[in-house]
């Protein structure tokens, strides 16, 4: 663990690049995204989940091998296709309701290998 003196003496601003703390956050996000993409096997898994949602079912898509900005665009298109809401959380797309068949057909049309996972 670093000492308090080391923590307080780190550079936080540079006239060339501006706020150094933002650069550290961006580098950490890029590293985290690269690690997520490297851990994927190329198979998209569709699950229907209700845990932690007060009985409301959602369809989750795990393992889509896309960077976050492209994943967000894909999520918007899938939500529009299903006619429901959803969210993107930690690389997992959540679509409200049970739309496994619709999502499977759409993803296979886009060239992804899809497996139905869970119950």
PDB file of N, CA and C in Angstrom:
ATOM      1  N   UNK A   1       0.850  -1.166   0.000  1.00  0.00           N
ATOM      2  CA  UNK A   1       0.000   0.000   0.000  1.00  0.00           C
ATOM      3  C   UNK A   1       0.900   1.234   0.000  1.00  0.00           C
ATOM      4  N   UNK A   2       0.525   2.217  -0.774  1.00  0.00           N
ATOM      5  CA  UNK A   2       1.328   3.434  -0.854  1.00  0.00           C
ATOM      6  C   UNK A   2       1.041   4.341   0.337  1.00  0.00           C
ATOM      7  N   UNK A   3       2.039   5.143   0.640  1.00  0.00           N
ATOM      8  CA  UNK A   3       1.895   6.034   1.784  1.00  0.00           C
ATOM      9  C   UNK A   3       1.023   7.234   1.421  1.00  0.00           C
ATOM     10  N   UNK A   4       0.616   7.955   2.426  1.00  0.00           N
ATOM     11  CA  UNK A   4      -0.205   9.136   2.216  1.00  0.00           C
ATOM     12  C   UNK A   4       0.554  10.171   1.410  1.00  0.00           C
ATOM     13  N   UNK A   5       1.839  10.282   1.637  1.00  0.00           N
ATOM     14  CA  UNK A   5       2.665  11.244   0.906  1.00  0.00           C
ATOM     15  C   UNK A   5       2.674  10.925  -0.597  1.00  0.00           C
ATOM     16  N   UNK A   6       2.784   9.638  -0.939  1.00  0.00           N
ATOM     17  CA  UNK A   6       2.750   9.236  -2.340  1.00  0.00           C
ATOM     18  C   UNK A   6       1.390   9.515  -2.969  1.00  0.00           C
ATOM     19  N   UNK A   7       0.327   9.295  -2.227  1.00  0.00           N
ATOM     20  CA  UNK A   7      -1.009   9.525  -2.746  1.00  0.00           C
ATOM     21  C   UNK A   7      -1.275  11.006  -2.993  1.00  0.00           C
ATOM     22  N   UNK A   8      -0.763  11.861  -2.120  1.00  0.00           N
ATOM     23  CA  UNK A   8      -1.006  13.290  -2.253  1.00  0.00           C
ATOM     24  C   UNK A   8      -0.076  13.960  -3.253  1.00  0.00           C
ATOM     25  N   UNK A   9       1.022  13.318  -3.620  1.00  0.00           N
ATOM     26  CA  UNK A   9       1.982  13.958  -4.509  1.00  0.00           C
ATOM     27  C   UNK A   9       1.818  13.532  -5.962  1.00  0.00           C
ATOM     28  N   UNK A  10       0.742  12.866  -6.321  1.00  0.00           N
ATOM     29  CA  UNK A  10       0.566  12.449  -7.707  1.00  0.00           C
ATOM     30  C   UNK A  10       0.111  13.647  -8.560  1.00  0.00           C
ATOM     31  N   UNK A  11       0.473  13.587  -9.832  1.00  0.00           N
ATOM     32  CA  UNK A  11       0.146  14.663 -10.764  1.00  0.00           C
ATOM     33  C   UNK A  11      -1.333  14.583 -11.134  1.00  0.00           C
ATOM     34  N   UNK A  12      -2.043  15.695 -11.032  1.00  0.00           N
ATOM     35  CA  UNK A  12      -3.464  15.714 -11.365  1.00  0.00           C
ATOM     36  C   UNK A  12      -3.782  16.631 -12.537  1.00  0.00           C
ATOM     37  N   UNK A  13      -2.834  17.473 -12.943  1.00  0.00           N
ATOM     38  CA  UNK A  13      -3.093  18.382 -14.054  1.00  0.00           C
ATOM     39  C   UNK A  13      -1.803  18.609 -14.832  1.00  0.00           C
ATOM     40  N   UNK A  14      -1.936  18.653 -16.141  1.00  0.00           N
ATOM     41  CA  UNK A  14      -0.812  18.947 -17.015  1.00  0.00           C
ATOM     42  C   UNK A  14      -1.280  19.964 -18.041  1.00  0.00           C
ATOM     43  N   UNK A  15      -0.418  20.925 -18.388  1.00  0.00           N
ATOM     44  CA  UNK A  15      -0.808  21.932 -19.370  1.00  0.00           C
ATOM     45  C   UNK A  15      -0.945  21.328 -20.762  1.00  0.00           C
ATOM     46  N   UNK A  16      -0.299  20.205 -21.011  1.00  0.00           N
ATOM     47  CA  UNK A  16      -0.389  19.567 -22.327  1.00  0.00           C
ATOM     48  C   UNK A  16      -1.670  18.760 -22.494  1.00  0.00           C
ATOM     49  N   UNK A  17      -2.029  17.986 -21.474  1.00  0.00           N
ATOM     50  CA  UNK A  17      -3.165  17.075 -21.612  1.00  0.00           C
ATOM     51  C   UNK A  17      -4.365  17.446 -20.762  1.00  0.00           C
ATOM     52  N   UNK A  18      -4.231  18.382 -19.860  1.00  0.00           N
ATOM     53  CA  UNK A  18      -5.356  18.776 -19.013  1.00  0.00           C
ATOM     54  C   UNK A  18      -5.437  17.932 -17.764  1.00  0.00           C
ATOM     55  N   UNK A  19      -6.639  17.580 -17.357  1.00  0.00           N
ATOM     56  CA  UNK A  19      -6.879  16.839 -16.120  1.00  0.00           C
ATOM     57  C   UNK A  19      -6.397  15.400 -16.276  1.00  0.00           C
ATOM     58  N   UNK A  20      -5.384  15.019 -15.526  1.00  0.00           N
ATOM     59  CA  UNK A  20      -4.780  13.691 -15.631  1.00  0.00           C
ATOM     60  C   UNK A  20      -5.692  12.614 -15.042  1.00  0.00           C
ATOM     61  N   UNK A  21      -6.562  12.972 -14.107  1.00  0.00           N
ATOM     62  CA  UNK A  21      -7.450  11.981 -13.504  1.00  0.00           C
ATOM     63  C   UNK A  21      -8.417  11.427 -14.529  1.00  0.00           C
ATOM     64  N   UNK A  22      -8.876  12.245 -15.466  1.00  0.00           N
ATOM     65  CA  UNK A  22      -9.789  11.773 -16.499  1.00  0.00           C
ATOM     66  C   UNK A  22      -9.095  10.800 -17.428  1.00  0.00           C
ATOM     67  N   UNK A  23      -7.813  11.039 -17.727  1.00  0.00           N
ATOM     68  CA  UNK A  23      -7.071  10.128 -18.592  1.00  0.00           C
ATOM     69  C   UNK A  23      -6.919   8.769 -17.926  1.00  0.00           C
ATOM     70  N   UNK A  24      -6.707   8.756 -16.622  1.00  0.00           N
ATOM     71  CA  UNK A  24      -6.588   7.500 -15.896  1.00  0.00           C
ATOM     72  C   UNK A  24      -7.902   6.726 -15.935  1.00  0.00           C
ATOM     73  N   UNK A  25      -9.037   7.419 -15.809  1.00  0.00           N
ATOM     74  CA  UNK A  25     -10.336   6.768 -15.859  1.00  0.00           C
ATOM     75  C   UNK A  25     -10.601   6.198 -17.239  1.00  0.00           C
ATOM     76  N   UNK A  26     -10.279   6.948 -18.301  1.00  0.00           N
ATOM     77  CA  UNK A  26     -10.486   6.474 -19.660  1.00  0.00           C
ATOM     78  C   UNK A  26      -9.623   5.254 -19.952  1.00  0.00           C
ATOM     79  N   UNK A  27      -8.368   5.271 -19.484  1.00  0.00           N
ATOM     80  CA  UNK A  27      -7.488   4.122 -19.686  1.00  0.00           C
ATOM     81  C   UNK A  27      -8.023   2.900 -18.961  1.00  0.00           C
ATOM     82  N   UNK A  28      -8.547   3.101 -17.766  1.00  0.00           N
ATOM     83  CA  UNK A  28      -9.098   1.983 -16.991  1.00  0.00           C
ATOM     84  C   UNK A  28     -10.330   1.405 -17.690  1.00  0.00           C
ATOM     85  N   UNK A  29     -11.184   2.270 -18.254  1.00  0.00           N
ATOM     86  CA  UNK A  29     -12.371   1.795 -18.962  1.00  0.00           C
ATOM     87  C   UNK A  29     -11.982   1.024 -20.214  1.00  0.00           C
ATOM     88  N   UNK A  30     -10.984   1.506 -20.952  1.00  0.00           N
ATOM     89  CA  UNK A  30     -10.533   0.809 -22.160  1.00  0.00           C
ATOM     90  C   UNK A  30      -9.936  -0.541 -21.813  1.00  0.00           C
ATOM     91  N   UNK A  31      -9.180  -0.603 -20.736  1.00  0.00           N
ATOM     92  CA  UNK A  31      -8.583  -1.862 -20.306  1.00  0.00           C
ATOM     93  C   UNK A  31      -9.657  -2.845 -19.873  1.00  0.00           C
ATOM     94  N   UNK A  32     -10.652  -2.364 -19.150  1.00  0.00           N
ATOM     95  CA  UNK A  32     -11.747  -3.211 -18.691  1.00  0.00           C
ATOM     96  C   UNK A  32     -12.554  -3.738 -19.883  1.00  0.00           C
ATOM     97  N   UNK A  33     -12.810  -2.891 -20.874  1.00  0.00           N
ATOM     98  CA  UNK A  33     -13.560  -3.307 -22.054  1.00  0.00           C
ATOM     99  C   UNK A  33     -12.765  -4.334 -22.862  1.00  0.00           C
ATOM    100  N   UNK A  34     -11.454  -4.130 -22.998  1.00  0.00           N
ATOM    101  CA  UNK A  34     -10.616  -5.084 -23.724  1.00  0.00           C
ATOM    102  C   UNK A  34     -10.593  -6.432 -23.020  1.00  0.00           C
ATOM    103  N   UNK A  35     -10.558  -6.425 -21.695  1.00  0.00           N
ATOM    104  CA  UNK A  35     -10.571  -7.680 -20.941  1.00  0.00           C
ATOM    105  C   UNK A  35     -11.904  -8.398 -21.110  1.00  0.00           C
ATOM    106  N   UNK A  36     -12.999  -7.646 -21.143  1.00  0.00           N
ATOM    107  CA  UNK A  36     -14.315  -8.257 -21.342  1.00  0.00           C
ATOM    108  C   UNK A  36     -14.416  -8.900 -22.714  1.00  0.00           C
ATOM    109  N   UNK A  37     -13.926  -8.205 -23.743  1.00  0.00           N
ATOM    110  CA  UNK A  37     -13.986  -8.749 -25.096  1.00  0.00           C
ATOM    111  C   UNK A  37     -13.089  -9.972 -25.256  1.00  0.00           C
ATOM    112  N   UNK A  38     -11.943  -9.975 -24.575  1.00  0.00           N
ATOM    113  CA  UNK A  38     -11.018 -11.104 -24.678  1.00  0.00           C
ATOM    114  C   UNK A  38     -11.578 -12.359 -24.013  1.00  0.00           C
ATOM    115  N   UNK A  39     -12.441 -12.187 -23.011  1.00  0.00           N
ATOM    116  CA  UNK A  39     -12.966 -13.339 -22.287  1.00  0.00           C
ATOM    117  C   UNK A  39     -14.159 -13.998 -22.991  1.00  0.00           C
ATOM    118  N   UNK A  40     -14.653 -13.422 -24.077  1.00  0.00           N
ATOM    119  CA  UNK A  40     -15.833 -13.955 -24.759  1.00  0.00           C
ATOM    120  C   UNK A  40     -15.449 -15.078 -25.719  1.00  0.00           C
ATOM    121  N   UNK A  41     -16.393 -16.012 -25.936  1.00  0.00           N
ATOM    122  CA  UNK A  41     -16.131 -17.142 -26.822  1.00  0.00           C
ATOM    123  C   UNK A  41     -16.862 -17.037 -28.158  1.00  0.00           C
ATOM    124  N   UNK A  42     -17.576 -15.944 -28.412  1.00  0.00           N
ATOM    125  CA  UNK A  42     -18.246 -15.736 -29.693  1.00  0.00           C
ATOM    126  C   UNK A  42     -19.653 -16.282 -29.753  1.00  0.00           C
ATOM    127  N   UNK A  43     -20.145 -16.833 -28.676  1.00  0.00           N
ATOM    128  CA  UNK A  43     -21.504 -17.375 -28.640  1.00  0.00           C
ATOM    129  C   UNK A  43     -22.365 -16.450 -27.785  1.00  0.00           C
ATOM    130  N   UNK A  44     -23.480 -16.004 -28.346  1.00  0.00           N
ATOM    131  CA  UNK A  44     -24.413 -15.150 -27.616  1.00  0.00           C
ATOM    132  C   UNK A  44     -25.392 -16.059 -26.888  1.00  0.00           C
ATOM    133  N   UNK A  45     -25.539 -15.851 -25.593  1.00  0.00           N
ATOM    134  CA  UNK A  45     -26.433 -16.674 -24.789  1.00  0.00           C
ATOM    135  C   UNK A  45     -27.652 -15.857 -24.370  1.00  0.00           C
ATOM    136  N   UNK A  46     -28.822 -16.405 -24.660  1.00  0.00           N
ATOM    137  CA  UNK A  46     -30.091 -15.766 -24.309  1.00  0.00           C
ATOM    138  C   UNK A  46     -30.665 -16.449 -23.081  1.00  0.00           C
ATOM    139  N   UNK A  47     -31.025 -15.669 -22.082  1.00  0.00           N
ATOM    140  CA  UNK A  47     -31.632 -16.194 -20.860  1.00  0.00           C
ATOM    141  C   UNK A  47     -32.881 -15.397 -20.534  1.00  0.00           C
ATOM    142  N   UNK A  48     -33.819 -16.062 -19.901  1.00  0.00           N
ATOM    143  CA  UNK A  48     -34.962 -15.365 -19.323  1.00  0.00           C
ATOM    144  C   UNK A  48     -34.742 -15.359 -17.825  1.00  0.00           C
ATOM    145  N   UNK A  49     -34.723 -14.192 -17.227  1.00  0.00           N
ATOM    146  CA  UNK A  49     -34.432 -14.061 -15.804  1.00  0.00           C
ATOM    147  C   UNK A  49     -35.539 -13.278 -15.104  1.00  0.00           C
ATOM    148  N   UNK A  50     -35.782 -13.656 -13.846  1.00  0.00           N
ATOM    149  CA  UNK A  50     -36.724 -12.899 -13.012  1.00  0.00           C
ATOM    150  C   UNK A  50     -36.099 -12.534 -11.679  1.00  0.00           C
ATOM    151  N   UNK A  51     -34.929 -13.066 -11.383  1.00  0.00           N
ATOM    152  CA  UNK A  51     -34.301 -12.875 -10.071  1.00  0.00           C
ATOM    153  C   UNK A  51     -33.982 -11.405  -9.825  1.00  0.00           C
ATOM    154  N   UNK A  52     -34.415 -10.899  -8.665  1.00  0.00           N
ATOM    155  CA  UNK A  52     -34.129  -9.531  -8.271  1.00  0.00           C
ATOM    156  C   UNK A  52     -34.969  -8.490  -8.982  1.00  0.00           C
ATOM    157  N   UNK A  53     -36.032  -8.919  -9.651  1.00  0.00           N
ATOM    158  CA  UNK A  53     -36.858  -7.982 -10.411  1.00  0.00           C
ATOM    159  C   UNK A  53     -38.329  -8.052 -10.001  1.00  0.00           C
ATOM    160  N   UNK A  54     -38.571  -8.535  -8.804  1.00  0.00           N
ATOM    161  CA  UNK A  54     -39.927  -8.623  -8.244  1.00  0.00           C
ATOM    162  C   UNK A  54     -40.870  -9.420  -9.148  1.00  0.00           C
ATOM    163  N   UNK A  55     -40.363 -10.496  -9.742  1.00  0.00           N
ATOM    164  CA  UNK A  55     -41.191 -11.369 -10.564  1.00  0.00           C
ATOM    165  C   UNK A  55     -41.325 -10.949 -12.010  1.00  0.00           C
ATOM    166  N   UNK A  56     -40.848  -9.776 -12.342  1.00  0.00           N
ATOM    167  CA  UNK A  56     -40.927  -9.308 -13.732  1.00  0.00           C
ATOM    168  C   UNK A  56     -39.830  -9.986 -14.544  1.00  0.00           C
ATOM    169  N   UNK A  57     -40.177 -10.545 -15.676  1.00  0.00           N
ATOM    170  CA  UNK A  57     -39.207 -11.261 -16.495  1.00  0.00           C
ATOM    171  C   UNK A  57     -38.499 -10.350 -17.482  1.00  0.00           C
ATOM    172  N   UNK A  58     -37.221 -10.596 -17.669  1.00  0.00           N
ATOM    173  CA  UNK A  58     -36.442  -9.917 -18.697  1.00  0.00           C
ATOM    174  C   UNK A  58     -35.655 -10.963 -19.473  1.00  0.00           C
ATOM    175  N   UNK A  59     -35.331 -10.659 -20.695  1.00  0.00           N
ATOM    176  CA  UNK A  59     -34.472 -11.506 -21.506  1.00  0.00           C
ATOM    177  C   UNK A  59     -33.098 -10.874 -21.507  1.00  0.00           C
ATOM    178  N   UNK A  60     -32.086 -11.634 -21.106  1.00  0.00           N
ATOM    179  CA  UNK A  60     -30.721 -11.106 -21.060  1.00  0.00           C
ATOM    180  C   UNK A  60     -29.894 -11.742 -22.153  1.00  0.00           C
ATOM    181  N   UNK A  61     -29.005 -10.947 -22.732  1.00  0.00           N
ATOM    182  CA  UNK A  61     -28.097 -11.403 -23.779  1.00  0.00           C
ATOM    183  C   UNK A  61     -26.681 -11.272 -23.250  1.00  0.00           C
ATOM    184  N   UNK A  62     -26.000 -12.376 -23.090  1.00  0.00           N
ATOM    185  CA  UNK A  62     -24.638 -12.406 -22.581  1.00  0.00           C
ATOM    186  C   UNK A  62     -23.687 -12.783 -23.710  1.00  0.00           C
ATOM    187  N   UNK A  63     -22.502 -12.198 -23.718  1.00  0.00           N
ATOM    188  CA  UNK A  63     -21.446 -12.644 -24.613  1.00  0.00           C
ATOM    189  C   UNK A  63     -21.473 -12.062 -26.009  1.00  0.00           C
ATOM    190  N   UNK A  64     -22.057 -10.900 -26.200  1.00  0.00           N
ATOM    191  CA  UNK A  64     -22.040 -10.282 -27.529  1.00  0.00           C
ATOM    192  C   UNK A  64     -20.665  -9.647 -27.735  1.00  0.00           C
ATOM    193  N   UNK A  65     -19.920 -10.082 -28.745  1.00  0.00           N
ATOM    194  CA  UNK A  65     -18.540  -9.608 -28.922  1.00  0.00           C
ATOM    195  C   UNK A  65     -18.464  -8.259 -29.633  1.00  0.00           C
ATOM    196  N   UNK A  66     -18.923  -7.206 -28.982  1.00  0.00           N
ATOM    197  CA  UNK A  66     -18.887  -5.858 -29.542  1.00  0.00           C
ATOM    198  C   UNK A  66     -18.386  -4.878 -28.493  1.00  0.00           C
ATOM    199  N   UNK A  67     -17.704  -3.810 -28.916  1.00  0.00           N
ATOM    200  CA  UNK A  67     -17.350  -2.747 -27.970  1.00  0.00           C
ATOM    201  C   UNK A  67     -18.613  -2.051 -27.463  1.00  0.00           C
ATOM    202  N   UNK A  68     -18.472  -1.306 -26.381  1.00  0.00           N
ATOM    203  CA  UNK A  68     -19.634  -0.717 -25.705  1.00  0.00           C
ATOM    204  C   UNK A  68     -20.475   0.186 -26.598  1.00  0.00           C
ATOM    205  N   UNK A  69     -19.844   1.024 -27.427  1.00  0.00           N
ATOM    206  CA  UNK A  69     -20.643   1.942 -28.250  1.00  0.00           C
ATOM    207  C   UNK A  69     -21.446   1.186 -29.309  1.00  0.00           C
ATOM    208  N   UNK A  70     -20.864   0.150 -29.925  1.00  0.00           N
ATOM    209  CA  UNK A  70     -21.607  -0.647 -30.901  1.00  0.00           C
ATOM    210  C   UNK A  70     -22.664  -1.509 -30.213  1.00  0.00           C
ATOM    211  N   UNK A  71     -22.352  -1.964 -29.005  1.00  0.00           N
ATOM    212  CA  UNK A  71     -23.305  -2.757 -28.238  1.00  0.00           C
ATOM    213  C   UNK A  71     -24.533  -1.924 -27.887  1.00  0.00           C
ATOM    214  N   UNK A  72     -24.318  -0.648 -27.608  1.00  0.00           N
ATOM    215  CA  UNK A  72     -25.437   0.249 -27.302  1.00  0.00           C
ATOM    216  C   UNK A  72     -26.340   0.428 -28.528  1.00  0.00           C
ATOM    217  N   UNK A  73     -25.731   0.556 -29.721  1.00  0.00           N
ATOM    218  CA  UNK A  73     -26.533   0.685 -30.947  1.00  0.00           C
ATOM    219  C   UNK A  73     -27.319  -0.586 -31.240  1.00  0.00           C
ATOM    220  N   UNK A  74     -26.681  -1.747 -31.020  1.00  0.00           N
ATOM    221  CA  UNK A  74     -27.370  -3.016 -31.221  1.00  0.00           C
ATOM    222  C   UNK A  74     -28.536  -3.145 -30.252  1.00  0.00           C
ATOM    223  N   UNK A  75     -28.324  -2.745 -28.996  1.00  0.00           N
ATOM    224  CA  UNK A  75     -29.380  -2.811 -27.995  1.00  0.00           C
ATOM    225  C   UNK A  75     -30.578  -1.960 -28.422  1.00  0.00           C
ATOM    226  N   UNK A  76     -30.316  -0.760 -28.924  1.00  0.00           N
ATOM    227  CA  UNK A  76     -31.411   0.115 -29.371  1.00  0.00           C
ATOM    228  C   UNK A  76     -32.213  -0.543 -30.494  1.00  0.00           C
ATOM    229  N   UNK A  77     -31.513  -1.187 -31.437  1.00  0.00           N
ATOM    230  CA  UNK A  77     -32.202  -1.851 -32.542  1.00  0.00           C
ATOM    231  C   UNK A  77     -33.025  -3.041 -32.048  1.00  0.00           C
ATOM    232  N   UNK A  78     -32.485  -3.796 -31.098  1.00  0.00           N
ATOM    233  CA  UNK A  78     -33.222  -4.944 -30.565  1.00  0.00           C
ATOM    234  C   UNK A  78     -34.438  -4.508 -29.757  1.00  0.00           C
ATOM    235  N   UNK A  79     -34.312  -3.437 -28.992  1.00  0.00           N
ATOM    236  CA  UNK A  79     -35.457  -2.916 -28.245  1.00  0.00           C
ATOM    237  C   UNK A  79     -36.553  -2.462 -29.198  1.00  0.00           C
ATOM    238  N   UNK A  80     -36.162  -1.814 -30.278  1.00  0.00           N
ATOM    239  CA  UNK A  80     -37.146  -1.359 -31.257  1.00  0.00           C
ATOM    240  C   UNK A  80     -37.824  -2.552 -31.925  1.00  0.00           C
ATOM    241  N   UNK A  81     -37.040  -3.594 -32.215  1.00  0.00           N
ATOM    242  CA  UNK A  81     -37.579  -4.796 -32.861  1.00  0.00           C
ATOM    243  C   UNK A  81     -38.595  -5.494 -31.960  1.00  0.00           C
ATOM    244  N   UNK A  82     -38.320  -5.525 -30.650  1.00  0.00           N
ATOM    245  CA  UNK A  82     -39.219  -6.199 -29.702  1.00  0.00           C
ATOM    246  C   UNK A  82     -40.347  -5.292 -29.228  1.00  0.00           C
ATOM    247  N   UNK A  83     -40.196  -3.986 -29.398  1.00  0.00           N
ATOM    248  CA  UNK A  83     -41.223  -3.056 -28.958  1.00  0.00           C
ATOM    249  C   UNK A  83     -41.300  -2.947 -27.447  1.00  0.00           C
ATOM    250  N   UNK A  84     -40.140  -3.021 -26.793  1.00  0.00           N
ATOM    251  CA  UNK A  84     -40.133  -2.923 -25.335  1.00  0.00           C
ATOM    252  C   UNK A  84     -38.889  -2.194 -24.876  1.00  0.00           C
ATOM    253  N   UNK A  85     -38.809  -1.959 -23.586  1.00  0.00           N
ATOM    254  CA  UNK A  85     -37.674  -1.254 -23.013  1.00  0.00           C
ATOM    255  C   UNK A  85     -36.539  -2.205 -22.688  1.00  0.00           C
ATOM    256  N   UNK A  86     -35.470  -1.630 -22.176  1.00  0.00           N
ATOM    257  CA  UNK A  86     -34.333  -2.449 -21.800  1.00  0.00           C
ATOM    258  C   UNK A  86     -33.199  -1.594 -21.297  1.00  0.00           C
ATOM    259  N   UNK A  87     -32.072  -2.258 -21.024  1.00  0.00           N
ATOM    260  CA  UNK A  87     -30.910  -1.565 -20.484  1.00  0.00           C
ATOM    261  C   UNK A  87     -29.647  -2.326 -20.859  1.00  0.00           C
ATOM    262  N   UNK A  88     -28.520  -1.619 -20.724  1.00  0.00           N
ATOM    263  CA  UNK A  88     -27.206  -2.218 -20.932  1.00  0.00           C
ATOM    264  C   UNK A  88     -26.448  -2.090 -19.621  1.00  0.00           C
ATOM    265  N   UNK A  89     -26.090  -3.231 -19.015  1.00  0.00           N
ATOM    266  CA  UNK A  89     -25.410  -3.224 -17.722  1.00  0.00           C
ATOM    267  C   UNK A  89     -24.209  -4.150 -17.790  1.00  0.00           C
ATOM    268  N   UNK A  90     -23.017  -3.594 -17.694  1.00  0.00           N
ATOM    269  CA  UNK A  90     -21.770  -4.362 -17.647  1.00  0.00           C
ATOM    270  C   UNK A  90     -21.630  -5.330 -18.814  1.00  0.00           C
ATOM    271  N   UNK A  91     -21.961  -4.893 -20.012  1.00  0.00           N
ATOM    272  CA  UNK A  91     -21.818  -5.730 -21.191  1.00  0.00           C
ATOM    273  C   UNK A  91     -22.945  -6.727 -21.388  1.00  0.00           C
ATOM    274  N   UNK A  92     -23.972  -6.669 -20.551  1.00  0.00           N
ATOM    275  CA  UNK A  92     -25.131  -7.559 -20.656  1.00  0.00           C
ATOM    276  C   UNK A  92     -26.335  -6.724 -21.077  1.00  0.00           C
ATOM    277  N   UNK A  93     -26.975  -7.131 -22.164  1.00  0.00           N
ATOM    278  CA  UNK A  93     -28.156  -6.426 -22.658  1.00  0.00           C
ATOM    279  C   UNK A  93     -29.384  -7.042 -22.000  1.00  0.00           C
ATOM    280  N   UNK A  94     -30.242  -6.206 -21.431  1.00  0.00           N
ATOM    281  CA  UNK A  94     -31.492  -6.651 -20.826  1.00  0.00           C
ATOM    282  C   UNK A  94     -32.650  -6.062 -21.626  1.00  0.00           C
ATOM    283  N   UNK A  95     -33.537  -6.933 -22.082  1.00  0.00           N
ATOM    284  CA  UNK A  95     -34.745  -6.514 -22.800  1.00  0.00           C
ATOM    285  C   UNK A  95     -35.934  -6.937 -21.946  1.00  0.00           C
ATOM    286  N   UNK A  96     -36.851  -6.020 -21.678  1.00  0.00           N
ATOM    287  CA  UNK A  96     -37.987  -6.317 -20.822  1.00  0.00           C
ATOM    288  C   UNK A  96     -38.944  -7.281 -21.508  1.00  0.00           C
ATOM    289  N   UNK A  97     -39.352  -8.314 -20.786  1.00  0.00           N
ATOM    290  CA  UNK A  97     -40.289  -9.294 -21.317  1.00  0.00           C
ATOM    291  C   UNK A  97     -39.575 -10.523 -21.854  1.00  0.00           C
ATOM    292  N   UNK A  98     -40.362 -11.518 -22.273  1.00  0.00           N
ATOM    293  CA  UNK A  98     -39.818 -12.762 -22.814  1.00  0.00           C
ATOM    294  C   UNK A  98     -39.832 -12.688 -24.341  1.00  0.00           C
ATOM    295  N   UNK A  99     -38.694 -12.310 -24.915  1.00  0.00           N
ATOM    296  CA  UNK A  99     -38.582 -12.147 -26.361  1.00  0.00           C
ATOM    297  C   UNK A  99     -37.478 -13.039 -26.926  1.00  0.00           C
ATOM    298  N   UNK A 100     -37.288 -14.224 -26.341  1.00  0.00           N
ATOM    299  CA  UNK A 100     -36.174 -15.075 -26.762  1.00  0.00           C
ATOM    300  C   UNK A 100     -36.256 -15.473 -28.229  1.00  0.00           C
ATOM    301  N   UNK A 101     -37.438 -15.841 -28.705  1.00  0.00           N
ATOM    302  CA  UNK A 101     -37.565 -16.284 -30.099  1.00  0.00           C
ATOM    303  C   UNK A 101     -37.301 -15.146 -31.076  1.00  0.00           C
ATOM    304  N   UNK A 102     -37.844 -13.989 -30.797  1.00  0.00           N
ATOM    305  CA  UNK A 102     -37.641 -12.822 -31.660  1.00  0.00           C
ATOM    306  C   UNK A 102     -36.172 -12.415 -31.685  1.00  0.00           C
ATOM    307  N   UNK A 103     -35.547 -12.381 -30.510  1.00  0.00           N
ATOM    308  CA  UNK A 103     -34.149 -11.979 -30.425  1.00  0.00           C
ATOM    309  C   UNK A 103     -33.236 -13.003 -31.076  1.00  0.00           C
ATOM    310  N   UNK A 104     -33.558 -14.278 -30.909  1.00  0.00           N
ATOM    311  CA  UNK A 104     -32.742 -15.314 -31.541  1.00  0.00           C
ATOM    312  C   UNK A 104     -32.774 -15.174 -33.063  1.00  0.00           C
ATOM    313  N   UNK A 105     -33.957 -14.978 -33.625  1.00  0.00           N
ATOM    314  CA  UNK A 105     -34.077 -14.827 -35.075  1.00  0.00           C
ATOM    315  C   UNK A 105     -33.324 -13.592 -35.569  1.00  0.00           C
ATOM    316  N   UNK A 106     -33.451 -12.492 -34.850  1.00  0.00           N
ATOM    317  CA  UNK A 106     -32.795 -11.244 -35.249  1.00  0.00           C
ATOM    318  C   UNK A 106     -31.279 -11.366 -35.169  1.00  0.00           C
ATOM    319  N   UNK A 107     -30.761 -11.960 -34.104  1.00  0.00           N
ATOM    320  CA  UNK A 107     -29.313 -12.092 -33.959  1.00  0.00           C
ATOM    321  C   UNK A 107     -28.719 -13.074 -34.968  1.00  0.00           C
ATOM    322  N   UNK A 108     -29.439 -14.154 -35.255  1.00  0.00           N
ATOM    323  CA  UNK A 108     -28.952 -15.086 -36.273  1.00  0.00           C
ATOM    324  C   UNK A 108     -28.959 -14.443 -37.649  1.00  0.00           C
ATOM    325  N   UNK A 109     -29.936 -13.575 -37.899  1.00  0.00           N
ATOM    326  CA  UNK A 109     -29.976 -12.839 -39.163  1.00  0.00           C
ATOM    327  C   UNK A 109     -28.771 -11.906 -39.291  1.00  0.00           C
ATOM    328  N   UNK A 110     -28.293 -11.390 -38.142  1.00  0.00           N
ATOM    329  CA  UNK A 110     -27.132 -10.502 -38.129  1.00  0.00           C
ATOM    330  C   UNK A 110     -25.809 -11.269 -38.113  1.00  0.00           C
ATOM    331  N   UNK A 111     -25.849 -12.599 -38.078  1.00  0.00           N
ATOM    332  CA  UNK A 111     -24.649 -13.409 -38.198  1.00  0.00           C
ATOM    333  C   UNK A 111     -24.038 -13.894 -36.902  1.00  0.00           C
ATOM    334  N   UNK A 112     -24.743 -13.826 -35.781  1.00  0.00           N
ATOM    335  CA  UNK A 112     -24.231 -14.292 -34.505  1.00  0.00           C
ATOM    336  C   UNK A 112     -24.638 -15.743 -34.263  1.00  0.00           C
ATOM    337  N   UNK A 113     -23.827 -16.484 -33.530  1.00  0.00           N
ATOM    338  CA  UNK A 113     -24.165 -17.813 -33.074  1.00  0.00           C
ATOM    339  C   UNK A 113     -24.897 -17.653 -31.748  1.00  0.00           C
ATOM    340  N   UNK A 114     -26.138 -18.194 -31.691  1.00  0.00           N
ATOM    341  CA  UNK A 114     -27.001 -17.956 -30.537  1.00  0.00           C
ATOM    342  C   UNK A 114     -27.364 -19.283 -29.879  1.00  0.00           C
ATOM    343  N   UNK A 115     -27.309 -19.303 -28.542  1.00  0.00           N
ATOM    344  CA  UNK A 115     -27.750 -20.452 -27.763  1.00  0.00           C
ATOM    345  C   UNK A 115     -28.754 -19.970 -26.726  1.00  0.00           C
ATOM    346  N   UNK A 116     -29.807 -20.772 -26.513  1.00  0.00           N
ATOM    347  CA  UNK A 116     -30.735 -20.487 -25.431  1.00  0.00           C
ATOM    348  C   UNK A 116     -30.164 -21.104 -24.167  1.00  0.00           C
ATOM    349  N   UNK A 117     -29.997 -20.299 -23.134  1.00  0.00           N
ATOM    350  CA  UNK A 117     -29.397 -20.766 -21.888  1.00  0.00           C
ATOM    351  C   UNK A 117     -30.422 -20.629 -20.768  1.00  0.00           C
ATOM    352  N   UNK A 118     -30.272 -21.416 -19.741  1.00  0.00           N
ATOM    353  CA  UNK A 118     -31.183 -21.329 -18.611  1.00  0.00           C
ATOM    354  C   UNK A 118     -32.523 -21.970 -18.898  1.00  0.00           C
ATOM    355  N   UNK A 119     -33.505 -21.631 -18.074  1.00  0.00           N
ATOM    356  CA  UNK A 119     -34.816 -22.268 -18.194  1.00  0.00           C
ATOM    357  C   UNK A 119     -35.773 -21.477 -18.879  1.00  0.00           C
TER     358      UNK A 119
END
